[in-house]
Amino acid sequence: RQDQLIQTLYRANFAEERSVFTEGDERLVELATEAGLDAE
């Protein structure tokens, strides 16, 4: 799921208002799950 995750991270960093840096690990878990990874 590497391509799915990198595209999700790009979109979150460059296009969305929410930060990928200031909301802690749960923000990254949320994005990882969106890309198809297991949250745990």
All heavy atoms as atom14 arrays in JSON, in Angstrom:
{
  "sequence": "RQDQLIQTLYRANFAEERSVFTEGDERLVELATEAGLDAE",
  "atom14_mask": [
    [1, 1, 1, 1, 1, 1, 1, 1, 1, 1, 1, 0, 0, 0],
    [1, 1, 1, 1, 1, 1, 1, 1, 1, 0, 0, 0, 0, 0],
    [1, 1, 1, 1, 1, 1, 1, 1, 0, 0, 0, 0, 0, 0],
    [1, 1, 1, 1, 1, 1, 1, 1, 1, 0, 0, 0, 0, 0],
    [1, 1, 1, 1, 1, 1, 1, 1, 0, 0, 0, 0, 0, 0],
    [1, 1, 1, 1, 1, 1, 1, 1, 0, 0, 0, 0, 0, 0],
    [1, 1, 1, 1, 1, 1, 1, 1, 1, 0, 0, 0, 0, 0],
    [1, 1, 1, 1, 1, 1, 1, 0, 0, 0, 0, 0, 0, 0],
    [1, 1, 1, 1, 1, 1, 1, 1, 0, 0, 0, 0, 0, 0],
    [1, 1, 1, 1, 1, 1, 1, 1, 1, 1, 1, 1, 0, 0],
    [1, 1, 1, 1, 1, 1, 1, 1, 1, 1, 1, 0, 0, 0],
    [1, 1, 1, 1, 1, 0, 0, 0, 0, 0, 0, 0, 0, 0],
    [1, 1, 1, 1, 1, 1, 1, 1, 0, 0, 0, 0, 0, 0],
    [1, 1, 1, 1, 1, 1, 1, 1, 1, 1, 1, 0, 0, 0],
    [1, 1, 1, 1, 1, 0, 0, 0, 0, 0, 0, 0, 0, 0],
    [1, 1, 1, 1, 1, 1, 1, 1, 1, 0, 0, 0, 0, 0],
    [1, 1, 1, 1, 1, 1, 1, 1, 1, 0, 0, 0, 0, 0],
    [1, 1, 1, 1, 1, 1, 1, 1, 1, 1, 1, 0, 0, 0],
    [1, 1, 1, 1, 1, 1, 0, 0, 0, 0, 0, 0, 0, 0],
    [1, 1, 1, 1, 1, 1, 1, 0, 0, 0, 0, 0, 0, 0],
    [1, 1, 1, 1, 1, 1, 1, 1, 1, 1, 1, 0, 0, 0],
    [1, 1, 1, 1, 1, 1, 1, 0, 0, 0, 0, 0, 0, 0],
    [1, 1, 1, 1, 1, 1, 1, 1, 1, 0, 0, 0, 0, 0],
    [1, 1, 1, 1, 0, 0, 0, 0, 0, 0, 0, 0, 0, 0],
    [1, 1, 1, 1, 1, 1, 1, 1, 0, 0, 0, 0, 0, 0],
    [1, 1, 1, 1, 1, 1, 1, 1, 1, 0, 0, 0, 0, 0],
    [1, 1, 1, 1, 1, 1, 1, 1, 1, 1, 1, 0, 0, 0],
    [1, 1, 1, 1, 1, 1, 1, 1, 0, 0, 0, 0, 0, 0],
    [1, 1, 1, 1, 1, 1, 1, 0, 0, 0, 0, 0, 0, 0],
    [1, 1, 1, 1, 1, 1, 1, 1, 1, 0, 0, 0, 0, 0],
    [1, 1, 1, 1, 1, 1, 1, 1, 0, 0, 0, 0, 0, 0],
    [1, 1, 1, 1, 1, 0, 0, 0, 0, 0, 0, 0, 0, 0],
    [1, 1, 1, 1, 1, 1, 1, 0, 0, 0, 0, 0, 0, 0],
    [1, 1, 1, 1, 1, 1, 1, 1, 1, 0, 0, 0, 0, 0],
    [1, 1, 1, 1, 1, 0, 0, 0, 0, 0, 0, 0, 0, 0],
    [1, 1, 1, 1, 0, 0, 0, 0, 0, 0, 0, 0, 0, 0],
    [1, 1, 1, 1, 1, 1, 1, 1, 0, 0, 0, 0, 0, 0],
    [1, 1, 1, 1, 1, 1, 1, 1, 0, 0, 0, 0, 0, 0],
    [1, 1, 1, 1, 1, 0, 0, 0, 0, 0, 0, 0, 0, 0],
    [1, 1, 1, 1, 1, 1, 1, 1, 1, 0, 0, 0, 0, 0]
  ],
  "atom14_positions": [
    [[0.83, -1.21, 0.0], [0.0, 0.0, 0.0], [0.86, 1.26, 0.0], [0.4, 2.33, 0.39], [-0.9, 0.02, 1.24], [-1.72, -1.23, 1.48], [-2.75, -1.44, 0.39], [-3.75, -0.4, 0.36], [-4.73, -0.36, -0.55], [-4.81, -1.29, -1.48], [-5.62, 0.61, -0.54], [0.0, 0.0, 0.0], [0.0, 0.0, 0.0], [0.0, 0.0, 0.0]],
    [[2.08, 1.16, -0.49], [3.01, 2.29, -0.4], [2.54, 3.48, -1.24], [2.56, 4.63, -0.77], [4.41, 1.85, -0.83], [5.49, 2.82, -0.43], [6.86, 2.4, -0.92], [6.99, 1.85, -2.0], [7.88, 2.65, -0.12], [0.0, 0.0, 0.0], [0.0, 0.0, 0.0], [0.0, 0.0, 0.0], [0.0, 0.0, 0.0], [0.0, 0.0, 0.0]],
    [[2.15, 3.22, -2.47], [1.73, 4.33, -3.32], [0.47, 5.01, -2.77], [0.35, 6.24, -2.82], [1.47, 3.84, -4.75], [1.3, 4.99, -5.72], [2.3, 5.67, -6.03], [0.16, 5.24, -6.15], [0.0, 0.0, 0.0], [0.0, 0.0, 0.0], [0.0, 0.0, 0.0], [0.0, 0.0, 0.0], [0.0, 0.0, 0.0], [0.0, 0.0, 0.0]],
    [[-0.44, 4.21, -2.24], [-1.66, 4.78, -1.66], [-1.34, 5.69, -0.48], [-1.92, 6.76, -0.32], [-2.62, 3.66, -1.21], [-3.24, 2.88, -2.35], [-2.37, 1.74, -2.83], [-1.18, 1.67, -2.55], [-2.98, 0.82, -3.58], [0.0, 0.0, 0.0], [0.0, 0.0, 0.0], [0.0, 0.0, 0.0], [0.0, 0.0, 0.0], [0.0, 0.0, 0.0]],
    [[-0.38, 5.25, 0.35], [-0.06, 6.06, 1.53], [0.67, 7.33, 1.15], [0.36, 8.41, 1.67], [0.78, 5.26, 2.53], [1.19, 6.03, 3.79], [-0.03, 6.56, 4.54], [2.04, 5.17, 4.71], [0.0, 0.0, 0.0], [0.0, 0.0, 0.0], [0.0, 0.0, 0.0], [0.0, 0.0, 0.0], [0.0, 0.0, 0.0], [0.0, 0.0, 0.0]],
    [[1.63, 7.26, 0.25], [2.37, 8.48, -0.08], [1.46, 9.51, -0.73], [1.57, 10.71, -0.47], [3.61, 8.17, -0.95], [4.58, 9.37, -0.9], [3.24, 7.84, -2.39], [5.95, 9.08, -1.49], [0.0, 0.0, 0.0], [0.0, 0.0, 0.0], [0.0, 0.0, 0.0], [0.0, 0.0, 0.0], [0.0, 0.0, 0.0], [0.0, 0.0, 0.0]],
    [[0.52, 9.06, -1.55], [-0.41, 10.0, -2.17], [-1.33, 10.61, -1.12], [-1.65, 11.8, -1.19], [-1.22, 9.31, -3.27], [-1.99, 10.27, -4.16], [-1.07, 11.24, -4.9], [0.04, 10.9, -5.29], [-1.54, 12.48, -5.08], [0.0, 0.0, 0.0], [0.0, 0.0, 0.0], [0.0, 0.0, 0.0], [0.0, 0.0, 0.0], [0.0, 0.0, 0.0]],
    [[-1.76, 9.8, -0.15], [-2.6, 10.31, 0.93], [-1.86, 11.35, 1.76], [-2.4, 12.4, 2.12], [-3.07, 9.15, 1.83], [-3.84, 8.23, 1.06], [-3.91, 9.66, 2.99], [0.0, 0.0, 0.0], [0.0, 0.0, 0.0], [0.0, 0.0, 0.0], [0.0, 0.0, 0.0], [0.0, 0.0, 0.0], [0.0, 0.0, 0.0], [0.0, 0.0, 0.0]],
    [[-0.59, 11.08, 2.05], [0.21, 12.03, 2.82], [0.46, 13.32, 2.05], [0.41, 14.42, 2.61], [1.54, 11.39, 3.22], [1.45, 10.23, 4.23], [2.8, 9.53, 4.35], [0.98, 10.73, 5.6], [0.0, 0.0, 0.0], [0.0, 0.0, 0.0], [0.0, 0.0, 0.0], [0.0, 0.0, 0.0], [0.0, 0.0, 0.0], [0.0, 0.0, 0.0]],
    [[0.75, 13.2, 0.76], [0.93, 14.4, -0.07], [-0.33, 15.27, -0.04], [-0.26, 16.48, 0.16], [1.21, 14.01, -1.52], [2.66, 13.67, -1.83], [2.96, 12.67, -2.76], [3.7, 14.36, -1.24], [4.27, 12.36, -3.08], [5.02, 14.05, -1.55], [5.29, 13.05, -2.48], [6.59, 12.74, -2.79], [0.0, 0.0, 0.0], [0.0, 0.0, 0.0]],
    [[-1.47, 14.64, -0.28], [-2.71, 15.4, -0.31], [-2.97, 16.08, 1.02], [-3.35, 17.26, 1.07], [-3.87, 14.47, -0.66], [-5.2, 15.21, -0.93], [-6.4, 14.32, -0.69], [-6.52, 13.97, 0.71], [-6.57, 12.73, 1.16], [-6.5, 11.7, 0.34], [-6.68, 12.49, 2.46], [0.0, 0.0, 0.0], [0.0, 0.0, 0.0], [0.0, 0.0, 0.0]],
    [[-2.75, 15.34, 2.11], [-2.98, 15.92, 3.43], [-2.06, 17.1, 3.7], [-2.48, 18.11, 4.28], [-2.81, 14.84, 4.5], [0.0, 0.0, 0.0], [0.0, 0.0, 0.0], [0.0, 0.0, 0.0], [0.0, 0.0, 0.0], [0.0, 0.0, 0.0], [0.0, 0.0, 0.0], [0.0, 0.0, 0.0], [0.0, 0.0, 0.0], [0.0, 0.0, 0.0]],
    [[-0.79, 16.98, 3.3], [0.17, 18.05, 3.58], [-0.02, 19.26, 2.7], [0.09, 20.4, 3.18], [1.6, 17.51, 3.42], [2.64, 18.53, 3.81], [2.49, 19.24, 4.8], [3.7, 18.62, 3.02], [0.0, 0.0, 0.0], [0.0, 0.0, 0.0], [0.0, 0.0, 0.0], [0.0, 0.0, 0.0], [0.0, 0.0, 0.0], [0.0, 0.0, 0.0]],
    [[-0.3, 19.04, 1.44], [-0.32, 20.17, 0.5], [-1.71, 20.73, 0.2], [-1.82, 21.87, -0.25], [0.35, 19.77, -0.81], [1.82, 19.56, -0.68], [2.36, 18.29, -0.78], [2.68, 20.62, -0.43], [3.72, 18.08, -0.63], [4.04, 20.42, -0.28], [4.57, 19.15, -0.38], [0.0, 0.0, 0.0], [0.0, 0.0, 0.0], [0.0, 0.0, 0.0]],
    [[-2.75, 19.94, 0.44], [-4.07, 20.39, 0.01], [-5.08, 20.59, 1.13], [-6.05, 21.32, 0.96], [-4.64, 19.39, -1.01], [0.0, 0.0, 0.0], [0.0, 0.0, 0.0], [0.0, 0.0, 0.0], [0.0, 0.0, 0.0], [0.0, 0.0, 0.0], [0.0, 0.0, 0.0], [0.0, 0.0, 0.0], [0.0, 0.0, 0.0], [0.0, 0.0, 0.0]],
    [[-4.86, 19.96, 2.28], [-5.86, 20.02, 3.34], [-5.47, 21.04, 4.41], [-4.3, 21.34, 4.61], [-6.03, 18.63, 3.98], [-6.58, 17.6, 3.0], [-6.8, 16.25, 3.65], [-6.51, 16.1, 4.86], [-7.26, 15.34, 2.95], [0.0, 0.0, 0.0], [0.0, 0.0, 0.0], [0.0, 0.0, 0.0], [0.0, 0.0, 0.0], [0.0, 0.0, 0.0]],
    [[-6.48, 21.54, 5.11], [-6.24, 22.55, 6.14], [-5.62, 21.94, 7.39], [-4.8, 22.57, 8.05], [-7.55, 23.26, 6.49], [-8.06, 24.17, 5.37], [-9.23, 25.02, 5.83], [-9.46, 25.1, 7.06], [-9.89, 25.62, 4.98], [0.0, 0.0, 0.0], [0.0, 0.0, 0.0], [0.0, 0.0, 0.0], [0.0, 0.0, 0.0], [0.0, 0.0, 0.0]],
    [[-6.0, 20.72, 7.74], [-5.45, 20.08, 8.94], [-3.97, 19.77, 8.73], [-3.55, 19.32, 7.67], [-6.22, 18.8, 9.26], [-7.65, 19.04, 9.7], [-8.33, 17.7, 9.94], [-7.68, 16.95, 11.01], [-7.95, 15.67, 11.27], [-8.8, 14.99, 10.51], [-7.33, 15.05, 12.28], [0.0, 0.0, 0.0], [0.0, 0.0, 0.0], [0.0, 0.0, 0.0]],
    [[-3.21, 19.97, 9.78], [-1.77, 19.75, 9.71], [-1.43, 18.27, 9.87], [-2.1, 17.54, 10.61], [-1.05, 20.55, 10.8], [0.32, 20.23, 10.85], [0.0, 0.0, 0.0], [0.0, 0.0, 0.0], [0.0, 0.0, 0.0], [0.0, 0.0, 0.0], [0.0, 0.0, 0.0], [0.0, 0.0, 0.0], [0.0, 0.0, 0.0], [0.0, 0.0, 0.0]],
    [[-0.39, 17.83, 9.18], [0.13, 16.48, 9.4], [1.24, 16.49, 10.45], [1.77, 15.43, 10.79], [0.67, 15.86, 8.09], [-0.44, 15.7, 7.08], [1.82, 16.69, 7.52], [0.0, 0.0, 0.0], [0.0, 0.0, 0.0], [0.0, 0.0, 0.0], [0.0, 0.0, 0.0], [0.0, 0.0, 0.0], [0.0, 0.0, 0.0], [0.0, 0.0, 0.0]],
    [[1.55, 17.65, 10.99], [2.67, 17.79, 11.93], [2.26, 18.11, 13.36], [3.02, 17.83, 14.28], [3.63, 18.89, 11.45], [4.21, 18.65, 10.09], [3.81, 19.4, 9.0], [5.17, 17.66, 9.89], [4.36, 19.19, 7.74], [5.71, 17.43, 8.65], [5.31, 18.19, 7.56], [0.0, 0.0, 0.0], [0.0, 0.0, 0.0], [0.0, 0.0, 0.0]],
    [[1.12, 18.73, 13.57], [0.79, 19.26, 14.9], [-0.26, 18.48, 15.66], [-0.51, 18.78, 16.83], [0.31, 20.72, 14.78], [-0.89, 20.76, 13.99], [1.38, 21.6, 14.17], [0.0, 0.0, 0.0], [0.0, 0.0, 0.0], [0.0, 0.0, 0.0], [0.0, 0.0, 0.0], [0.0, 0.0, 0.0], [0.0, 0.0, 0.0], [0.0, 0.0, 0.0]],
    [[-0.88, 17.48, 15.05], [-1.98, 16.78, 15.71], [-1.56, 15.45, 16.33], [-2.41, 14.65, 16.75], [-3.13, 16.57, 14.73], [-3.79, 17.85, 14.29], [-5.07, 17.61, 13.52], [-5.69, 16.55, 13.7], [-5.45, 18.49, 12.72], [0.0, 0.0, 0.0], [0.0, 0.0, 0.0], [0.0, 0.0, 0.0], [0.0, 0.0, 0.0], [0.0, 0.0, 0.0]],
    [[-0.27, 15.16, 16.35], [0.2, 13.94, 16.99], [0.07, 12.7, 16.12], [-0.33, 12.76, 14.95], [0.0, 0.0, 0.0], [0.0, 0.0, 0.0], [0.0, 0.0, 0.0], [0.0, 0.0, 0.0], [0.0, 0.0, 0.0], [0.0, 0.0, 0.0], [0.0, 0.0, 0.0], [0.0, 0.0, 0.0], [0.0, 0.0, 0.0], [0.0, 0.0, 0.0]],
    [[0.4, 11.56, 16.73], [0.44, 10.31, 15.99], [-0.92, 9.9, 15.44], [-1.0, 9.26, 14.39], [0.98, 9.18, 16.88], [2.47, 9.33, 17.17], [3.12, 10.18, 16.53], [2.97, 8.59, 18.02], [0.0, 0.0, 0.0], [0.0, 0.0, 0.0], [0.0, 0.0, 0.0], [0.0, 0.0, 0.0], [0.0, 0.0, 0.0], [0.0, 0.0, 0.0]],
    [[-2.0, 10.26, 16.14], [-3.32, 9.8, 15.7], [-3.69, 10.38, 14.34], [-4.45, 9.76, 13.59], [-4.38, 10.13, 16.73], [-4.43, 9.16, 17.89], [-4.58, 7.7, 17.44], [-5.55, 7.39, 16.72], [-3.72, 6.88, 17.79], [0.0, 0.0, 0.0], [0.0, 0.0, 0.0], [0.0, 0.0, 0.0], [0.0, 0.0, 0.0], [0.0, 0.0, 0.0]],
    [[-3.17, 11.55, 14.02], [-3.42, 12.11, 12.68], [-2.77, 11.21, 11.62], [-3.38, 10.91, 10.58], [-2.86, 13.53, 12.6], [-2.88, 14.16, 11.21], [-4.27, 14.34, 10.67], [-4.27, 15.19, 9.47], [-5.15, 15.06, 8.48], [-6.08, 14.11, 8.53], [-5.1, 15.87, 7.45], [0.0, 0.0, 0.0], [0.0, 0.0, 0.0], [0.0, 0.0, 0.0]],
    [[-1.55, 10.75, 11.88], [-0.88, 9.87, 10.94], [-1.55, 8.5, 10.88], [-1.65, 7.89, 9.8], [0.6, 9.72, 11.31], [1.44, 10.99, 11.23], [2.9, 10.67, 11.54], [1.32, 11.63, 9.85], [0.0, 0.0, 0.0], [0.0, 0.0, 0.0], [0.0, 0.0, 0.0], [0.0, 0.0, 0.0], [0.0, 0.0, 0.0], [0.0, 0.0, 0.0]],
    [[-2.05, 8.02, 12.02], [-2.79, 6.75, 12.02], [-4.05, 6.87, 11.17], [-4.39, 5.97, 10.4], [-3.14, 6.34, 13.47], [-4.1, 5.15, 13.47], [-1.89, 6.0, 14.25], [0.0, 0.0, 0.0], [0.0, 0.0, 0.0], [0.0, 0.0, 0.0], [0.0, 0.0, 0.0], [0.0, 0.0, 0.0], [0.0, 0.0, 0.0], [0.0, 0.0, 0.0]],
    [[-4.72, 7.99, 11.3], [-5.93, 8.24, 10.51], [-5.61, 8.2, 9.02], [-6.34, 7.58, 8.23], [-6.5, 9.61, 10.89], [-7.68, 10.07, 10.05], [-8.06, 11.51, 10.36], [-7.97, 11.9, 11.54], [-8.43, 12.23, 9.41], [0.0, 0.0, 0.0], [0.0, 0.0, 0.0], [0.0, 0.0, 0.0], [0.0, 0.0, 0.0], [0.0, 0.0, 0.0]],
    [[-4.52, 8.83, 8.62], [-4.15, 8.85, 7.21], [-3.69, 7.48, 6.74], [-3.99, 7.06, 5.61], [-3.06, 9.89, 6.98], [-3.49, 11.34, 7.21], [-2.28, 12.27, 7.21], [-4.5, 11.79, 6.15], [0.0, 0.0, 0.0], [0.0, 0.0, 0.0], [0.0, 0.0, 0.0], [0.0, 0.0, 0.0], [0.0, 0.0, 0.0], [0.0, 0.0, 0.0]],
    [[-2.97, 6.76, 7.59], [-2.53, 5.41, 7.24], [-3.74, 4.51, 7.02], [-3.77, 3.71, 6.07], [-1.63, 4.85, 8.33], [0.0, 0.0, 0.0], [0.0, 0.0, 0.0], [0.0, 0.0, 0.0], [0.0, 0.0, 0.0], [0.0, 0.0, 0.0], [0.0, 0.0, 0.0], [0.0, 0.0, 0.0], [0.0, 0.0, 0.0], [0.0, 0.0, 0.0]],
    [[-4.73, 4.62, 7.88], [-5.95, 3.82, 7.75], [-6.68, 4.17, 6.46], [-7.19, 3.28, 5.75], [-6.87, 4.05, 8.96], [-6.15, 3.75, 10.16], [-8.1, 3.16, 8.88], [0.0, 0.0, 0.0], [0.0, 0.0, 0.0], [0.0, 0.0, 0.0], [0.0, 0.0, 0.0], [0.0, 0.0, 0.0], [0.0, 0.0, 0.0], [0.0, 0.0, 0.0]],
    [[-6.73, 5.46, 6.15], [-7.36, 5.89, 4.9], [-6.68, 5.27, 3.69], [-7.32, 4.98, 2.67], [-7.3, 7.42, 4.81], [-8.0, 8.01, 3.6], [-7.93, 9.52, 3.57], [-7.82, 10.14, 4.66], [-7.97, 10.09, 2.46], [0.0, 0.0, 0.0], [0.0, 0.0, 0.0], [0.0, 0.0, 0.0], [0.0, 0.0, 0.0], [0.0, 0.0, 0.0]],
    [[-5.37, 5.04, 3.79], [-4.62, 4.45, 2.68], [-4.69, 2.92, 2.68], [-4.07, 2.29, 1.81], [-3.17, 4.9, 2.76], [0.0, 0.0, 0.0], [0.0, 0.0, 0.0], [0.0, 0.0, 0.0], [0.0, 0.0, 0.0], [0.0, 0.0, 0.0], [0.0, 0.0, 0.0], [0.0, 0.0, 0.0], [0.0, 0.0, 0.0], [0.0, 0.0, 0.0]],
    [[-5.42, 2.35, 3.63], [-5.61, 0.91, 3.63], [-4.76, 0.12, 4.59], [-4.78, -1.11, 4.58], [0.0, 0.0, 0.0], [0.0, 0.0, 0.0], [0.0, 0.0, 0.0], [0.0, 0.0, 0.0], [0.0, 0.0, 0.0], [0.0, 0.0, 0.0], [0.0, 0.0, 0.0], [0.0, 0.0, 0.0], [0.0, 0.0, 0.0], [0.0, 0.0, 0.0]],
    [[-4.01, 0.8, 5.47], [-3.19, 0.11, 6.46], [-4.01, -0.19, 7.71], [-5.01, 0.49, 7.99], [-1.96, 0.94, 6.84], [-0.73, 0.81, 5.94], [-0.99, 1.41, 4.56], [0.47, 1.48, 6.59], [0.0, 0.0, 0.0], [0.0, 0.0, 0.0], [0.0, 0.0, 0.0], [0.0, 0.0, 0.0], [0.0, 0.0, 0.0], [0.0, 0.0, 0.0]],
    [[-3.57, -1.16, 8.47], [-4.2, -1.48, 9.74], [-3.83, -0.43, 10.78], [-2.65, -0.1, 10.96], [-3.74, -2.87, 10.21], [-4.32, -3.23, 11.55], [-5.53, -3.53, 11.61], [-3.57, -3.2, 12.54], [0.0, 0.0, 0.0], [0.0, 0.0, 0.0], [0.0, 0.0, 0.0], [0.0, 0.0, 0.0], [0.0, 0.0, 0.0], [0.0, 0.0, 0.0]],
    [[-4.83, 0.09, 11.47], [-4.6, 1.18, 12.41], [-3.67, 0.76, 13.55], [-2.77, 1.51, 13.94], [-5.93, 1.68, 12.98], [0.0, 0.0, 0.0], [0.0, 0.0, 0.0], [0.0, 0.0, 0.0], [0.0, 0.0, 0.0], [0.0, 0.0, 0.0], [0.0, 0.0, 0.0], [0.0, 0.0, 0.0], [0.0, 0.0, 0.0], [0.0, 0.0, 0.0]],
    [[-3.88, -0.43, 14.09], [-3.04, -0.87, 15.2], [-1.6, -1.1, 14.77], [-0.66, -0.83, 15.54], [-3.63, -2.14, 15.83], [-4.88, -1.88, 16.65], [-4.69, -0.78, 17.7], [-3.66, -0.83, 18.41], [-5.54, 0.12, 17.77], [0.0, 0.0, 0.0], [0.0, 0.0, 0.0], [0.0, 0.0, 0.0], [0.0, 0.0, 0.0], [0.0, 0.0, 0.0]]
  ]
}
